Amino acid sequence: MDEKEKKQVLLRLSPSLWKELVAWSADDFRSLNGQIEYLLTECVKRRKKTHRENNK
Protein backbone atom coordinates (compact mmCIF):
# COMPACT_ATOMS: atom_id res chain seq x y z
CA MET A 1 0.00 0.00 0.00
CA ASP A 2 1.34 3.41 -0.96
CA GLU A 3 1.98 5.59 2.11
CA LYS A 4 1.10 8.74 0.17
CA GLU A 5 -2.28 7.43 -0.91
CA LYS A 6 -5.06 9.23 0.98
CA LYS A 7 -7.57 7.03 2.76
CA GLN A 8 -11.24 7.84 3.00
CA VAL A 9 -13.02 7.66 6.34
CA LEU A 10 -16.71 8.03 7.03
CA LEU A 11 -17.01 10.34 10.02
CA ARG A 12 -20.21 11.14 11.84
CA LEU A 13 -20.23 14.39 13.82
CA SER A 14 -22.84 16.02 15.99
CA PRO A 15 -24.34 19.15 14.41
CA SER A 16 -22.82 21.36 17.12
CA LEU A 17 -19.30 19.93 16.63
CA TRP A 18 -19.67 20.22 12.85
CA LYS A 19 -20.59 23.91 13.17
CA GLU A 20 -17.62 24.59 15.45
CA LEU A 21 -15.21 22.82 13.10
CA VAL A 22 -16.57 24.63 10.03
CA ALA A 23 -16.12 28.00 11.77
CA TRP A 24 -12.61 27.06 12.95
CA SER A 25 -11.59 25.85 9.49
CA ALA A 26 -12.81 29.13 7.96
CA ASP A 27 -10.77 31.10 10.53
CA ASP A 28 -7.68 29.09 9.54
CA PHE A 29 -8.42 29.32 5.78
CA ARG A 30 -8.73 25.54 5.45
CA SER A 31 -11.43 23.25 4.16
CA LEU A 32 -13.27 21.26 6.80
CA ASN A 33 -11.49 18.12 5.66
CA GLY A 34 -8.12 19.91 5.77
CA GLN A 35 -8.84 21.21 9.26
CA ILE A 36 -9.76 17.76 10.58
CA GLU A 37 -6.62 16.26 9.03
CA TYR A 38 -4.49 19.06 10.51
CA LEU A 39 -5.98 18.59 13.99
CA LEU A 40 -5.52 14.83 13.90
CA THR A 41 -1.91 15.23 12.71
CA GLU A 42 -1.15 17.64 15.57
CA CYS A 43 -2.71 15.26 18.10
CA VAL A 44 -0.63 12.35 16.82
CA LYS A 45 2.57 14.46 17.03
CA ARG A 46 1.71 15.48 20.60
CA ARG A 47 0.98 11.86 21.57
CA LYS A 48 4.30 10.67 20.12
CA LYS A 49 6.19 13.42 21.95
CA THR A 50 4.46 12.63 25.25
CA HIS A 51 5.06 8.93 24.77
CA ARG A 52 8.79 9.52 24.15
CA GLU A 53 9.09 11.75 27.22
CA ASN A 54 7.33 9.21 29.44
CA ASN A 55 9.64 6.39 28.31
CA LYS A 56 12.93 8.10 29.19
C-alpha atoms as a PDB file:
ATOM      1  CA  MET A   1       0.000   0.000   0.000  1.00  0.00           C
ATOM      2  CA  ASP A   2       1.339   3.411  -0.965  1.00  0.00           C
ATOM      3  CA  GLU A   3       1.982   5.592   2.114  1.00  0.00           C
ATOM      4  CA  LYS A   4       1.102   8.744   0.172  1.00  0.00           C
ATOM      5  CA  GLU A   5      -2.277   7.425  -0.910  1.00  0.00           C
ATOM      6  CA  LYS A   6      -5.059   9.227   0.978  1.00  0.00           C
ATOM      7  CA  LYS A   7      -7.574   7.026   2.758  1.00  0.00           C
ATOM      8  CA  GLN A   8     -11.237   7.836   3.002  1.00  0.00           C
ATOM      9  CA  VAL A   9     -13.024   7.664   6.342  1.00  0.00           C
ATOM     10  CA  LEU A  10     -16.712   8.032   7.027  1.00  0.00           C
ATOM     11  CA  LEU A  11     -17.005  10.341  10.020  1.00  0.00           C
ATOM     12  CA  ARG A  12     -20.215  11.139  11.845  1.00  0.00           C
ATOM     13  CA  LEU A  13     -20.232  14.388  13.823  1.00  0.00           C
ATOM     14  CA  SER A  14     -22.835  16.021  15.991  1.00  0.00           C
ATOM     15  CA  PRO A  15     -24.340  19.150  14.415  1.00  0.00           C
ATOM     16  CA  SER A  16     -22.815  21.358  17.116  1.00  0.00           C
ATOM     17  CA  LEU A  17     -19.296  19.934  16.627  1.00  0.00           C
ATOM     18  CA  TRP A  18     -19.667  20.221  12.850  1.00  0.00           C
ATOM     19  CA  LYS A  19     -20.593  23.914  13.169  1.00  0.00           C
ATOM     20  CA  GLU A  20     -17.615  24.588  15.450  1.00  0.00           C
ATOM     21  CA  LEU A  21     -15.209  22.821  13.097  1.00  0.00           C
ATOM     22  CA  VAL A  22     -16.571  24.632  10.031  1.00  0.00           C
ATOM     23  CA  ALA A  23     -16.116  28.000  11.772  1.00  0.00           C
ATOM     24  CA  TRP A  24     -12.609  27.056  12.947  1.00  0.00           C
ATOM     25  CA  SER A  25     -11.587  25.854   9.492  1.00  0.00           C
ATOM     26  CA  ALA A  26     -12.810  29.130   7.960  1.00  0.00           C
ATOM     27  CA  ASP A  27     -10.771  31.095  10.525  1.00  0.00           C
ATOM     28  CA  ASP A  28      -7.679  29.090   9.541  1.00  0.00           C
ATOM     29  CA  PHE A  29      -8.421  29.319   5.781  1.00  0.00           C
ATOM     30  CA  ARG A  30      -8.728  25.541   5.454  1.00  0.00           C
ATOM     31  CA  SER A  31     -11.430  23.250   4.161  1.00  0.00           C
ATOM     32  CA  LEU A  32     -13.275  21.264   6.804  1.00  0.00           C
ATOM     33  CA  ASN A  33     -11.486  18.119   5.658  1.00  0.00           C
ATOM     34  CA  GLY A  34      -8.123  19.907   5.767  1.00  0.00           C
ATOM     35  CA  GLN A  35      -8.843  21.209   9.261  1.00  0.00           C
ATOM     36  CA  ILE A  36      -9.757  17.763  10.579  1.00  0.00           C
ATOM     37  CA  GLU A  37      -6.622  16.258   9.029  1.00  0.00           C
ATOM     38  CA  TYR A  38      -4.493  19.060  10.512  1.00  0.00           C
ATOM     39  CA  LEU A  39      -5.980  18.594  13.987  1.00  0.00           C
ATOM     40  CA  LEU A  40      -5.518  14.825  13.904  1.00  0.00           C
ATOM     41  CA  THR A  41      -1.910  15.231  12.712  1.00  0.00           C
ATOM     42  CA  GLU A  42      -1.152  17.640  15.568  1.00  0.00           C
ATOM     43  CA  CYS A  43      -2.713  15.257  18.104  1.00  0.00           C
ATOM     44  CA  VAL A  44      -0.627  12.349  16.823  1.00  0.00           C
ATOM     45  CA  LYS A  45       2.568  14.465  17.031  1.00  0.00           C
ATOM     46  CA  ARG A  46       1.706  15.476  20.601  1.00  0.00           C
ATOM     47  CA  ARG A  47       0.981  11.865  21.571  1.00  0.00           C
ATOM     48  CA  LYS A  48       4.298  10.669  20.121  1.00  0.00           C
ATOM     49  CA  LYS A  49       6.186  13.423  21.953  1.00  0.00           C
ATOM     50  CA  THR A  50       4.458  12.633  25.252  1.00  0.00           C
ATOM     51  CA  HIS A  51       5.056   8.928  24.773  1.00  0.00           C
ATOM     52  CA  ARG A  52       8.786   9.521  24.148  1.00  0.00           C
ATOM     53  CA  GLU A  53       9.092  11.753  27.222  1.00  0.00           C
ATOM     54  CA  ASN A  54       7.332   9.212  29.437  1.00  0.00           C
ATOM     55  CA  ASN A  55       9.638   6.387  28.305  1.00  0.00           C
ATOM     56  CA  LYS A  56      12.933   8.103  29.187  1.00  0.00           C
END
